[in-house]
Amino acid sequence: MSDRLLYRQPLSGIRVLELSGRWTGFCGRLLCDLGAEVILAEPPGGSVARRAGPFLSDKPGPDRSLSFWYENDGKPGITVDIGVLSDRERIHQFVQSCDIVVESCTPGGLA
């Protein structure tokens, strides 16, 4: 039996939306490890974090970034393009069901 199933985690029942960025993954990982449900929202083509090394067998590729794998283990993902009105509306509705939003935009960047 997994150690996670033996005790109630401090953030059990908390839902987090992580708007993928180079600096959001580790924060989301910590929240996930503490029991939160973290949903990773990536733009079409994937997060910039997918292009950061080190890479599996030193071969770059969007599905080969070891740091991306580590930081996003256990997070279900969705694809959204915040430049598209229908996706922005979808994210706005999704945020209503979340307790926390993690993002790394400059101040006012999501406005």
PDB file of N, CA and C in Angstrom:
ATOM      1  N   MET A   1       0.849  -1.174   0.000  1.00  0.00           N
ATOM      2  CA  MET A   1       0.000   0.000   0.000  1.00  0.00           C
ATOM      3  C   MET A   1       0.896   1.238   0.000  1.00  0.00           C
ATOM      4  N   SER A   2       0.535   2.234  -0.749  1.00  0.00           N
ATOM      5  CA  SER A   2       1.278   3.478  -0.839  1.00  0.00           C
ATOM      6  C   SER A   2       1.221   4.225   0.484  1.00  0.00           C
ATOM      7  N   ASP A   3       2.348   4.875   0.845  1.00  0.00           N
ATOM      8  CA  ASP A   3       2.368   5.696   2.047  1.00  0.00           C
ATOM      9  C   ASP A   3       1.318   6.805   1.974  1.00  0.00           C
ATOM     10  N   ARG A   4       1.018   7.277   0.741  1.00  0.00           N
ATOM     11  CA  ARG A   4       0.033   8.347   0.588  1.00  0.00           C
ATOM     12  C   ARG A   4      -1.352   7.910   1.066  1.00  0.00           C
ATOM     13  N   LEU A   5      -1.643   6.623   1.024  1.00  0.00           N
ATOM     14  CA  LEU A   5      -2.954   6.138   1.420  1.00  0.00           C
ATOM     15  C   LEU A   5      -3.059   5.886   2.923  1.00  0.00           C
ATOM     16  N   LEU A   6      -1.928   5.939   3.647  1.00  0.00           N
ATOM     17  CA  LEU A   6      -1.934   5.616   5.062  1.00  0.00           C
ATOM     18  C   LEU A   6      -2.337   6.783   5.955  1.00  0.00           C
ATOM     19  N   TYR A   7      -2.277   7.988   5.441  1.00  0.00           N
ATOM     20  CA  TYR A   7      -2.626   9.139   6.255  1.00  0.00           C
ATOM     21  C   TYR A   7      -3.273  10.215   5.395  1.00  0.00           C
ATOM     22  N   ARG A   8      -4.004  11.088   6.035  1.00  0.00           N
ATOM     23  CA  ARG A   8      -4.647  12.189   5.319  1.00  0.00           C
ATOM     24  C   ARG A   8      -3.612  13.273   5.101  1.00  0.00           C
ATOM     25  N   GLN A   9      -3.476  13.667   3.871  1.00  0.00           N
ATOM     26  CA  GLN A   9      -2.498  14.699   3.556  1.00  0.00           C
ATOM     27  C   GLN A   9      -3.066  16.082   3.850  1.00  0.00           C
ATOM     28  N   PRO A  10      -2.209  17.035   4.215  1.00  0.00           N
ATOM     29  CA  PRO A  10      -2.700  18.346   4.645  1.00  0.00           C
ATOM     30  C   PRO A  10      -3.533  19.097   3.612  1.00  0.00           C
ATOM     31  N   LEU A  11      -3.273  18.889   2.318  1.00  0.00           N
ATOM     32  CA  LEU A  11      -4.025  19.623   1.292  1.00  0.00           C
ATOM     33  C   LEU A  11      -5.056  18.759   0.571  1.00  0.00           C
ATOM     34  N   SER A  12      -5.424  17.631   1.167  1.00  0.00           N
ATOM     35  CA  SER A  12      -6.470  16.793   0.579  1.00  0.00           C
ATOM     36  C   SER A  12      -7.738  17.614   0.409  1.00  0.00           C
ATOM     37  N   GLY A  13      -8.367  17.502  -0.762  1.00  0.00           N
ATOM     38  CA  GLY A  13      -9.592  18.240  -1.030  1.00  0.00           C
ATOM     39  C   GLY A  13      -9.371  19.612  -1.643  1.00  0.00           C
ATOM     40  N   ILE A  14      -8.121  20.034  -1.769  1.00  0.00           N
ATOM     41  CA  ILE A  14      -7.797  21.324  -2.382  1.00  0.00           C
ATOM     42  C   ILE A  14      -7.550  21.093  -3.874  1.00  0.00           C
ATOM     43  N   ARG A  15      -8.141  21.937  -4.699  1.00  0.00           N
ATOM     44  CA  ARG A  15      -7.971  21.821  -6.155  1.00  0.00           C
ATOM     45  C   ARG A  15      -7.175  23.020  -6.656  1.00  0.00           C
ATOM     46  N   VAL A  16      -6.143  22.727  -7.449  1.00  0.00           N
ATOM     47  CA  VAL A  16      -5.218  23.750  -7.931  1.00  0.00           C
ATOM     48  C   VAL A  16      -5.177  23.728  -9.455  1.00  0.00           C
ATOM     49  N   LEU A  17      -5.213  24.901 -10.059  1.00  0.00           N
ATOM     50  CA  LEU A  17      -4.962  25.036 -11.481  1.00  0.00           C
ATOM     51  C   LEU A  17      -3.581  25.648 -11.631  1.00  0.00           C
ATOM     52  N   GLU A  18      -2.705  24.935 -12.310  1.00  0.00           N
ATOM     53  CA  GLU A  18      -1.359  25.442 -12.570  1.00  0.00           C
ATOM     54  C   GLU A  18      -1.277  25.846 -14.037  1.00  0.00           C
ATOM     55  N   LEU A  19      -1.149  27.147 -14.273  1.00  0.00           N
ATOM     56  CA  LEU A  19      -0.956  27.646 -15.628  1.00  0.00           C
ATOM     57  C   LEU A  19       0.531  27.513 -15.919  1.00  0.00           C
ATOM     58  N   SER A  20       0.851  26.525 -16.714  1.00  0.00           N
ATOM     59  CA  SER A  20       2.209  26.107 -16.953  1.00  0.00           C
ATOM     60  C   SER A  20       3.131  27.248 -17.350  1.00  0.00           C
ATOM     61  N   GLY A  21       4.293  27.239 -16.750  1.00  0.00           N
ATOM     62  CA  GLY A  21       5.350  28.189 -17.066  1.00  0.00           C
ATOM     63  C   GLY A  21       6.674  27.604 -16.603  1.00  0.00           C
ATOM     64  N   ARG A  22       7.748  28.242 -16.926  1.00  0.00           N
ATOM     65  CA  ARG A  22       9.056  27.706 -16.542  1.00  0.00           C
ATOM     66  C   ARG A  22       9.207  27.617 -15.035  1.00  0.00           C
ATOM     67  N   TRP A  23       8.544  28.487 -14.278  1.00  0.00           N
ATOM     68  CA  TRP A  23       8.762  28.550 -12.837  1.00  0.00           C
ATOM     69  C   TRP A  23       7.581  28.064 -12.003  1.00  0.00           C
ATOM     70  N   THR A  24       6.574  27.472 -12.605  1.00  0.00           N
ATOM     71  CA  THR A  24       5.405  27.039 -11.833  1.00  0.00           C
ATOM     72  C   THR A  24       5.464  25.569 -11.413  1.00  0.00           C
ATOM     73  N   GLY A  25       6.225  24.766 -12.132  1.00  0.00           N
ATOM     74  CA  GLY A  25       6.208  23.320 -11.945  1.00  0.00           C
ATOM     75  C   GLY A  25       6.554  22.855 -10.546  1.00  0.00           C
ATOM     76  N   PHE A  26       7.598  23.430  -9.949  1.00  0.00           N
ATOM     77  CA  PHE A  26       8.011  22.960  -8.633  1.00  0.00           C
ATOM     78  C   PHE A  26       6.986  23.314  -7.568  1.00  0.00           C
ATOM     79  N   CYS A  27       6.391  24.505  -7.677  1.00  0.00           N
ATOM     80  CA  CYS A  27       5.341  24.889  -6.736  1.00  0.00           C
ATOM     81  C   CYS A  27       4.182  23.903  -6.827  1.00  0.00           C
ATOM     82  N   GLY A  28       3.752  23.605  -8.064  1.00  0.00           N
ATOM     83  CA  GLY A  28       2.680  22.638  -8.260  1.00  0.00           C
ATOM     84  C   GLY A  28       3.039  21.275  -7.712  1.00  0.00           C
ATOM     85  N   ARG A  29       4.303  20.885  -7.876  1.00  0.00           N
ATOM     86  CA  ARG A  29       4.760  19.589  -7.364  1.00  0.00           C
ATOM     87  C   ARG A  29       4.635  19.534  -5.846  1.00  0.00           C
ATOM     88  N   LEU A  30       5.047  20.603  -5.176  1.00  0.00           N
ATOM     89  CA  LEU A  30       4.944  20.631  -3.715  1.00  0.00           C
ATOM     90  C   LEU A  30       3.490  20.526  -3.262  1.00  0.00           C
ATOM     91  N   LEU A  31       2.612  21.270  -3.922  1.00  0.00           N
ATOM     92  CA  LEU A  31       1.189  21.211  -3.569  1.00  0.00           C
ATOM     93  C   LEU A  31       0.621  19.810  -3.812  1.00  0.00           C
ATOM     94  N   CYS A  32       1.028  19.197  -4.914  1.00  0.00           N
ATOM     95  CA  CYS A  32       0.592  17.836  -5.249  1.00  0.00           C
ATOM     96  C   CYS A  32       1.088  16.842  -4.191  1.00  0.00           C
ATOM     97  N   ASP A  33       2.351  16.976  -3.802  1.00  0.00           N
ATOM     98  CA  ASP A  33       2.919  16.081  -2.789  1.00  0.00           C
ATOM     99  C   ASP A  33       2.228  16.225  -1.439  1.00  0.00           C
ATOM    100  N   LEU A  34       1.640  17.388  -1.196  1.00  0.00           N
ATOM    101  CA  LEU A  34       0.914  17.617   0.049  1.00  0.00           C
ATOM    102  C   LEU A  34      -0.554  17.203  -0.041  1.00  0.00           C
ATOM    103  N   GLY A  35      -0.943  16.632  -1.184  1.00  0.00           N
ATOM    104  CA  GLY A  35      -2.271  16.062  -1.317  1.00  0.00           C
ATOM    105  C   GLY A  35      -3.249  16.836  -2.175  1.00  0.00           C
ATOM    106  N   ALA A  36      -2.862  17.989  -2.678  1.00  0.00           N
ATOM    107  CA  ALA A  36      -3.771  18.766  -3.525  1.00  0.00           C
ATOM    108  C   ALA A  36      -3.923  18.095  -4.887  1.00  0.00           C
ATOM    109  N   GLU A  37      -5.077  18.293  -5.495  1.00  0.00           N
ATOM    110  CA  GLU A  37      -5.291  17.875  -6.882  1.00  0.00           C
ATOM    111  C   GLU A  37      -4.810  19.029  -7.743  1.00  0.00           C
ATOM    112  N   VAL A  38      -3.712  18.833  -8.471  1.00  0.00           N
ATOM    113  CA  VAL A  38      -3.128  19.887  -9.294  1.00  0.00           C
ATOM    114  C   VAL A  38      -3.354  19.542 -10.757  1.00  0.00           C
ATOM    115  N   ILE A  39      -4.027  20.442 -11.478  1.00  0.00           N
ATOM    116  CA  ILE A  39      -4.280  20.259 -12.908  1.00  0.00           C
ATOM    117  C   ILE A  39      -3.344  21.196 -13.656  1.00  0.00           C
ATOM    118  N   LEU A  40      -2.545  20.627 -14.530  1.00  0.00           N
ATOM    119  CA  LEU A  40      -1.576  21.388 -15.309  1.00  0.00           C
ATOM    120  C   LEU A  40      -2.211  21.850 -16.613  1.00  0.00           C
ATOM    121  N   ALA A  41      -2.236  23.157 -16.842  1.00  0.00           N
ATOM    122  CA  ALA A  41      -2.763  23.725 -18.082  1.00  0.00           C
ATOM    123  C   ALA A  41      -1.587  24.178 -18.940  1.00  0.00           C
ATOM    124  N   GLU A  42      -1.425  23.524 -20.094  1.00  0.00           N
ATOM    125  CA  GLU A  42      -0.324  23.846 -21.000  1.00  0.00           C
ATOM    126  C   GLU A  42      -0.862  24.481 -22.275  1.00  0.00           C
ATOM    127  N   PRO A  43      -0.060  25.359 -22.879  1.00  0.00           N
ATOM    128  CA  PRO A  43      -0.467  25.925 -24.166  1.00  0.00           C
ATOM    129  C   PRO A  43      -0.303  24.889 -25.278  1.00  0.00           C
ATOM    130  N   PRO A  44      -0.921  25.107 -26.432  1.00  0.00           N
ATOM    131  CA  PRO A  44      -0.691  24.203 -27.561  1.00  0.00           C
ATOM    132  C   PRO A  44       0.822  24.133 -27.836  1.00  0.00           C
ATOM    133  N   GLY A  45       1.325  22.954 -28.071  1.00  0.00           N
ATOM    134  CA  GLY A  45       2.760  22.785 -28.284  1.00  0.00           C
ATOM    135  C   GLY A  45       3.515  22.492 -27.001  1.00  0.00           C
ATOM    136  N   GLY A  46       2.849  22.607 -25.866  1.00  0.00           N
ATOM    137  CA  GLY A  46       3.462  22.255 -24.593  1.00  0.00           C
ATOM    138  C   GLY A  46       4.117  23.412 -23.874  1.00  0.00           C
ATOM    139  N   SER A  47       4.374  23.196 -22.622  1.00  0.00           N
ATOM    140  CA  SER A  47       5.004  24.177 -21.747  1.00  0.00           C
ATOM    141  C   SER A  47       6.446  24.437 -22.165  1.00  0.00           C
ATOM    142  N   VAL A  48       6.922  25.644 -21.890  1.00  0.00           N
ATOM    143  CA  VAL A  48       8.340  25.945 -22.120  1.00  0.00           C
ATOM    144  C   VAL A  48       9.220  25.050 -21.257  1.00  0.00           C
ATOM    145  N   ALA A  49       8.691  24.576 -20.152  1.00  0.00           N
ATOM    146  CA  ALA A  49       9.457  23.699 -19.265  1.00  0.00           C
ATOM    147  C   ALA A  49       9.812  22.372 -19.937  1.00  0.00           C
ATOM    148  N   ARG A  50       9.052  21.966 -20.931  1.00  0.00           N
ATOM    149  CA  ARG A  50       9.348  20.725 -21.657  1.00  0.00           C
ATOM    150  C   ARG A  50      10.650  20.833 -22.458  1.00  0.00           C
ATOM    151  N   ARG A  51      11.095  22.057 -22.710  1.00  0.00           N
ATOM    152  CA  ARG A  51      12.307  22.260 -23.507  1.00  0.00           C
ATOM    153  C   ARG A  51      13.535  22.525 -22.644  1.00  0.00           C
ATOM    154  N   ALA A  52      13.397  22.354 -21.336  1.00  0.00           N
ATOM    155  CA  ALA A  52      14.518  22.568 -20.417  1.00  0.00           C
ATOM    156  C   ALA A  52      15.170  21.244 -20.062  1.00  0.00           C
ATOM    157  N   GLY A  53      16.464  21.181 -20.138  1.00  0.00           N
ATOM    158  CA  GLY A  53      17.204  19.979 -19.791  1.00  0.00           C
ATOM    159  C   GLY A  53      17.318  19.825 -18.294  1.00  0.00           C
ATOM    160  N   PRO A  54      17.885  18.738 -17.861  1.00  0.00           N
ATOM    161  CA  PRO A  54      18.503  17.673 -18.666  1.00  0.00           C
ATOM    162  C   PRO A  54      17.442  16.808 -19.340  1.00  0.00           C
ATOM    163  N   PHE A  55      17.874  16.134 -20.411  1.00  0.00           N
ATOM    164  CA  PHE A  55      16.982  15.297 -21.197  1.00  0.00           C
ATOM    165  C   PHE A  55      17.373  13.832 -21.092  1.00  0.00           C
ATOM    166  N   LEU A  56      16.376  12.967 -21.229  1.00  0.00           N
ATOM    167  CA  LEU A  56      16.602  11.531 -21.240  1.00  0.00           C
ATOM    168  C   LEU A  56      17.611  11.190 -22.331  1.00  0.00           C
ATOM    169  N   SER A  57      18.662  10.481 -21.976  1.00  0.00           N
ATOM    170  CA  SER A  57      19.737  10.077 -22.895  1.00  0.00           C
ATOM    171  C   SER A  57      20.349  11.266 -23.638  1.00  0.00           C
ATOM    172  N   ASP A  58      20.276  12.466 -23.025  1.00  0.00           N
ATOM    173  CA  ASP A  58      20.845  13.690 -23.612  1.00  0.00           C
ATOM    174  C   ASP A  58      20.288  14.021 -24.990  1.00  0.00           C
ATOM    175  N   LYS A  59      19.066  13.585 -25.269  1.00  0.00           N
ATOM    176  CA  LYS A  59      18.419  13.876 -26.549  1.00  0.00           C
ATOM    177  C   LYS A  59      17.217  14.781 -26.290  1.00  0.00           C
ATOM    178  N   PRO A  60      17.316  16.072 -26.654  1.00  0.00           N
ATOM    179  CA  PRO A  60      16.206  16.998 -26.420  1.00  0.00           C
ATOM    180  C   PRO A  60      14.925  16.573 -27.132  1.00  0.00           C
ATOM    181  N   GLY A  61      13.817  16.894 -26.516  1.00  0.00           N
ATOM    182  CA  GLY A  61      12.508  16.610 -27.090  1.00  0.00           C
ATOM    183  C   GLY A  61      11.442  16.986 -26.087  1.00  0.00           C
ATOM    184  N   PRO A  62      10.227  17.297 -26.536  1.00  0.00           N
ATOM    185  CA  PRO A  62       9.185  17.763 -25.620  1.00  0.00           C
ATOM    186  C   PRO A  62       8.744  16.731 -24.583  1.00  0.00           C
ATOM    187  N   ASP A  63       8.973  15.467 -24.840  1.00  0.00           N
ATOM    188  CA  ASP A  63       8.598  14.424 -23.880  1.00  0.00           C
ATOM    189  C   ASP A  63       9.823  13.776 -23.245  1.00  0.00           C
ATOM    190  N   ARG A  64      10.973  14.466 -23.266  1.00  0.00           N
ATOM    191  CA  ARG A  64      12.210  13.880 -22.761  1.00  0.00           C
ATOM    192  C   ARG A  64      12.857  14.689 -21.637  1.00  0.00           C
ATOM    193  N   SER A  65      12.225  15.799 -21.227  1.00  0.00           N
ATOM    194  CA  SER A  65      12.790  16.638 -20.174  1.00  0.00           C
ATOM    195  C   SER A  65      12.601  15.976 -18.815  1.00  0.00           C
ATOM    196  N   LEU A  66      13.711  15.634 -18.183  1.00  0.00           N
ATOM    197  CA  LEU A  66      13.637  14.965 -16.882  1.00  0.00           C
ATOM    198  C   LEU A  66      13.090  15.900 -15.808  1.00  0.00           C
ATOM    199  N   SER A  67      13.452  17.170 -15.868  1.00  0.00           N
ATOM    200  CA  SER A  67      12.926  18.106 -14.871  1.00  0.00           C
ATOM    201  C   SER A  67      11.414  18.288 -15.039  1.00  0.00           C
ATOM    202  N   PHE A  68      10.935  18.311 -16.284  1.00  0.00           N
ATOM    203  CA  PHE A  68       9.486  18.410 -16.507  1.00  0.00           C
ATOM    204  C   PHE A  68       8.788  17.178 -15.957  1.00  0.00           C
ATOM    205  N   TRP A  69       9.346  16.001 -16.210  1.00  0.00           N
ATOM    206  CA  TRP A  69       8.751  14.768 -15.670  1.00  0.00           C
ATOM    207  C   TRP A  69       8.661  14.838 -14.151  1.00  0.00           C
ATOM    208  N   TYR A  70       9.767  15.227 -13.517  1.00  0.00           N
ATOM    209  CA  TYR A  70       9.796  15.271 -12.058  1.00  0.00           C
ATOM    210  C   TYR A  70       8.762  16.247 -11.505  1.00  0.00           C
ATOM    211  N   GLU A  71       8.755  17.459 -12.060  1.00  0.00           N
ATOM    212  CA  GLU A  71       7.882  18.492 -11.523  1.00  0.00           C
ATOM    213  C   GLU A  71       6.398  18.244 -11.792  1.00  0.00           C
ATOM    214  N   ASN A  72       6.081  17.427 -12.780  1.00  0.00           N
ATOM    215  CA  ASN A  72       4.680  17.254 -13.174  1.00  0.00           C
ATOM    216  C   ASN A  72       4.127  15.856 -12.962  1.00  0.00           C
ATOM    217  N   ASP A  73       4.861  15.023 -12.275  1.00  0.00           N
ATOM    218  CA  ASP A  73       4.387  13.682 -11.948  1.00  0.00           C
ATOM    219  C   ASP A  73       3.119  13.787 -11.105  1.00  0.00           C
ATOM    220  N   GLY A  74       2.107  13.058 -11.491  1.00  0.00           N
ATOM    221  CA  GLY A  74       0.872  13.028 -10.712  1.00  0.00           C
ATOM    222  C   GLY A  74      -0.120  14.124 -11.033  1.00  0.00           C
ATOM    223  N   LYS A  75       0.179  14.951 -12.024  1.00  0.00           N
ATOM    224  CA  LYS A  75      -0.732  16.033 -12.396  1.00  0.00           C
ATOM    225  C   LYS A  75      -1.440  15.690 -13.708  1.00  0.00           C
ATOM    226  N   PRO A  76      -2.767  15.642 -13.704  1.00  0.00           N
ATOM    227  CA  PRO A  76      -3.453  15.524 -14.993  1.00  0.00           C
ATOM    228  C   PRO A  76      -3.294  16.843 -15.738  1.00  0.00           C
ATOM    229  N   GLY A  77      -3.364  16.800 -17.060  1.00  0.00           N
ATOM    230  CA  GLY A  77      -3.138  18.007 -17.832  1.00  0.00           C
ATOM    231  C   GLY A  77      -4.241  18.325 -18.813  1.00  0.00           C
ATOM    232  N   ILE A  78      -4.346  19.602 -19.141  1.00  0.00           N
ATOM    233  CA  ILE A  78      -5.256  20.080 -20.171  1.00  0.00           C
ATOM    234  C   ILE A  78      -4.463  21.026 -21.066  1.00  0.00           C
ATOM    235  N   THR A  79      -4.938  21.218 -22.285  1.00  0.00           N
ATOM    236  CA  THR A  79      -4.310  22.146 -23.220  1.00  0.00           C
ATOM    237  C   THR A  79      -5.243  23.319 -23.430  1.00  0.00           C
ATOM    238  N   VAL A  80      -4.717  24.538 -23.236  1.00  0.00           N
ATOM    239  CA  VAL A  80      -5.510  25.752 -23.446  1.00  0.00           C
ATOM    240  C   VAL A  80      -4.641  26.828 -24.082  1.00  0.00           C
ATOM    241  N   ASP A  81      -5.265  27.619 -24.916  1.00  0.00           N
ATOM    242  CA  ASP A  81      -4.586  28.748 -25.551  1.00  0.00           C
ATOM    243  C   ASP A  81      -5.266  30.007 -25.043  1.00  0.00           C
ATOM    244  N   ILE A  82      -4.620  30.719 -24.101  1.00  0.00           N
ATOM    245  CA  ILE A  82      -5.280  31.875 -23.503  1.00  0.00           C
ATOM    246  C   ILE A  82      -5.435  33.026 -24.491  1.00  0.00           C
ATOM    247  N   GLY A  83      -4.861  32.882 -25.687  1.00  0.00           N
ATOM    248  CA  GLY A  83      -5.072  33.869 -26.739  1.00  0.00           C
ATOM    249  C   GLY A  83      -6.379  33.660 -27.488  1.00  0.00           C
ATOM    250  N   VAL A  84      -7.054  32.557 -27.212  1.00  0.00           N
ATOM    251  CA  VAL A  84      -8.319  32.228 -27.878  1.00  0.00           C
ATOM    252  C   VAL A  84      -9.459  32.463 -26.888  1.00  0.00           C
ATOM    253  N   LEU A  85     -10.438  33.253 -27.304  1.00  0.00           N
ATOM    254  CA  LEU A  85     -11.532  33.638 -26.421  1.00  0.00           C
ATOM    255  C   LEU A  85     -12.240  32.438 -25.790  1.00  0.00           C
ATOM    256  N   SER A  86     -12.551  31.413 -26.575  1.00  0.00           N
ATOM    257  CA  SER A  86     -13.271  30.257 -26.026  1.00  0.00           C
ATOM    258  C   SER A  86     -12.435  29.533 -24.961  1.00  0.00           C
ATOM    259  N   ASP A  87     -11.116  29.473 -25.148  1.00  0.00           N
ATOM    260  CA  ASP A  87     -10.248  28.854 -24.136  1.00  0.00           C
ATOM    261  C   ASP A  87     -10.162  29.716 -22.882  1.00  0.00           C
ATOM    262  N   ARG A  88     -10.108  31.032 -23.060  1.00  0.00           N
ATOM    263  CA  ARG A  88     -10.101  31.932 -21.894  1.00  0.00           C
ATOM    264  C   ARG A  88     -11.383  31.760 -21.091  1.00  0.00           C
ATOM    265  N   GLU A  89     -12.501  31.648 -21.780  1.00  0.00           N
ATOM    266  CA  GLU A  89     -13.778  31.441 -21.087  1.00  0.00           C
ATOM    267  C   GLU A  89     -13.779  30.095 -20.359  1.00  0.00           C
ATOM    268  N   ARG A  90     -13.222  29.074 -21.016  1.00  0.00           N
ATOM    269  CA  ARG A  90     -13.138  27.743 -20.390  1.00  0.00           C
ATOM    270  C   ARG A  90     -12.284  27.785 -19.121  1.00  0.00           C
ATOM    271  N   ILE A  91     -11.149  28.481 -19.189  1.00  0.00           N
ATOM    272  CA  ILE A  91     -10.281  28.615 -18.012  1.00  0.00           C
ATOM    273  C   ILE A  91     -10.997  29.397 -16.916  1.00  0.00           C
ATOM    274  N   HIS A  92     -11.686  30.470 -17.292  1.00  0.00           N
ATOM    275  CA  HIS A  92     -12.417  31.274 -16.308  1.00  0.00           C
ATOM    276  C   HIS A  92     -13.440  30.411 -15.562  1.00  0.00           C
ATOM    277  N   GLN A  93     -14.173  29.572 -16.277  1.00  0.00           N
ATOM    278  CA  GLN A  93     -15.137  28.678 -15.647  1.00  0.00           C
ATOM    279  C   GLN A  93     -14.436  27.642 -14.779  1.00  0.00           C
ATOM    280  N   PHE A  94     -13.312  27.119 -15.271  1.00  0.00           N
ATOM    281  CA  PHE A  94     -12.567  26.101 -14.533  1.00  0.00           C
ATOM    282  C   PHE A  94     -12.027  26.667 -13.220  1.00  0.00           C
ATOM    283  N   VAL A  95     -11.569  27.918 -13.260  1.00  0.00           N
ATOM    284  CA  VAL A  95     -11.024  28.565 -12.061  1.00  0.00           C
ATOM    285  C   VAL A  95     -12.071  28.621 -10.951  1.00  0.00           C
ATOM    286  N   GLN A  96     -13.336  28.729 -11.315  1.00  0.00           N
ATOM    287  CA  GLN A  96     -14.405  28.802 -10.322  1.00  0.00           C
ATOM    288  C   GLN A  96     -14.460  27.550  -9.451  1.00  0.00           C
ATOM    289  N   SER A  97     -13.953  26.423  -9.972  1.00  0.00           N
ATOM    290  CA  SER A  97     -13.963  25.174  -9.202  1.00  0.00           C
ATOM    291  C   SER A  97     -12.637  24.921  -8.490  1.00  0.00           C
ATOM    292  N   CYS A  98     -11.717  25.881  -8.555  1.00  0.00           N
ATOM    293  CA  CYS A  98     -10.388  25.723  -7.952  1.00  0.00           C
ATOM    294  C   CYS A  98     -10.244  26.581  -6.700  1.00  0.00           C
ATOM    295  N   ASP A  99      -9.366  26.125  -5.826  1.00  0.00           N
ATOM    296  CA  ASP A  99      -9.060  26.876  -4.610  1.00  0.00           C
ATOM    297  C   ASP A  99      -7.828  27.758  -4.791  1.00  0.00           C
ATOM    298  N   ILE A 100      -6.931  27.330  -5.667  1.00  0.00           N
ATOM    299  CA  ILE A 100      -5.655  28.024  -5.873  1.00  0.00           C
ATOM    300  C   ILE A 100      -5.352  28.039  -7.374  1.00  0.00           C
ATOM    301  N   VAL A 101      -4.796  29.158  -7.846  1.00  0.00           N
ATOM    302  CA  VAL A 101      -4.267  29.233  -9.207  1.00  0.00           C
ATOM    303  C   VAL A 101      -2.785  29.596  -9.084  1.00  0.00           C
ATOM    304  N   VAL A 102      -1.949  28.793  -9.724  1.00  0.00           N
ATOM    305  CA  VAL A 102      -0.506  29.027  -9.748  1.00  0.00           C
ATOM    306  C   VAL A 102      -0.148  29.500 -11.141  1.00  0.00           C
ATOM    307  N   GLU A 103       0.500  30.654 -11.241  1.00  0.00           N
ATOM    308  CA  GLU A 103       0.899  31.193 -12.541  1.00  0.00           C
ATOM    309  C   GLU A 103       2.175  32.015 -12.359  1.00  0.00           C
ATOM    310  N   SER A 104       2.851  32.275 -13.468  1.00  0.00           N
ATOM    311  CA  SER A 104       4.109  33.025 -13.375  1.00  0.00           C
ATOM    312  C   SER A 104       4.151  34.207 -14.351  1.00  0.00           C
ATOM    313  N   CYS A 105       2.989  34.728 -14.679  1.00  0.00           N
ATOM    314  CA  CYS A 105       2.918  35.892 -15.574  1.00  0.00           C
ATOM    315  C   CYS A 105       3.414  37.137 -14.848  1.00  0.00           C
ATOM    316  N   THR A 106       3.825  38.129 -15.628  1.00  0.00           N
ATOM    317  CA  THR A 106       4.145  39.417 -15.015  1.00  0.00           C
ATOM    318  C   THR A 106       2.854  39.994 -14.456  1.00  0.00           C
ATOM    319  N   PRO A 107       2.948  40.873 -13.476  1.00  0.00           N
ATOM    320  CA  PRO A 107       1.734  41.457 -12.893  1.00  0.00           C
ATOM    321  C   PRO A 107       0.830  42.032 -13.971  1.00  0.00           C
ATOM    322  N   GLY A 108      -0.431  41.642 -13.948  1.00  0.00           N
ATOM    323  CA  GLY A 108      -1.401  42.098 -14.928  1.00  0.00           C
ATOM    324  C   GLY A 108      -1.395  41.294 -16.222  1.00  0.00           C
ATOM    325  N   GLY A 109      -0.500  40.314 -16.318  1.00  0.00           N
ATOM    326  CA  GLY A 109      -0.351  39.538 -17.552  1.00  0.00           C
ATOM    327  C   GLY A 109      -1.563  38.708 -17.909  1.00  0.00           C
ATOM    328  N   LEU A 110      -2.349  38.323 -16.938  1.00  0.00           N
ATOM    329  CA  LEU A 110      -3.535  37.515 -17.217  1.00  0.00           C
ATOM    330  C   LEU A 110      -4.776  38.371 -17.422  1.00  0.00           C
ATOM    331  N   ALA A 111      -4.645  39.664 -17.154  1.00  0.00           N
ATOM    332  CA  ALA A 111      -5.802  40.558 -17.303  1.00  0.00           C
ATOM    333  C   ALA A 111      -6.240  40.563 -18.755  1.00  0.00           C
TER     334      ALA A 111
END
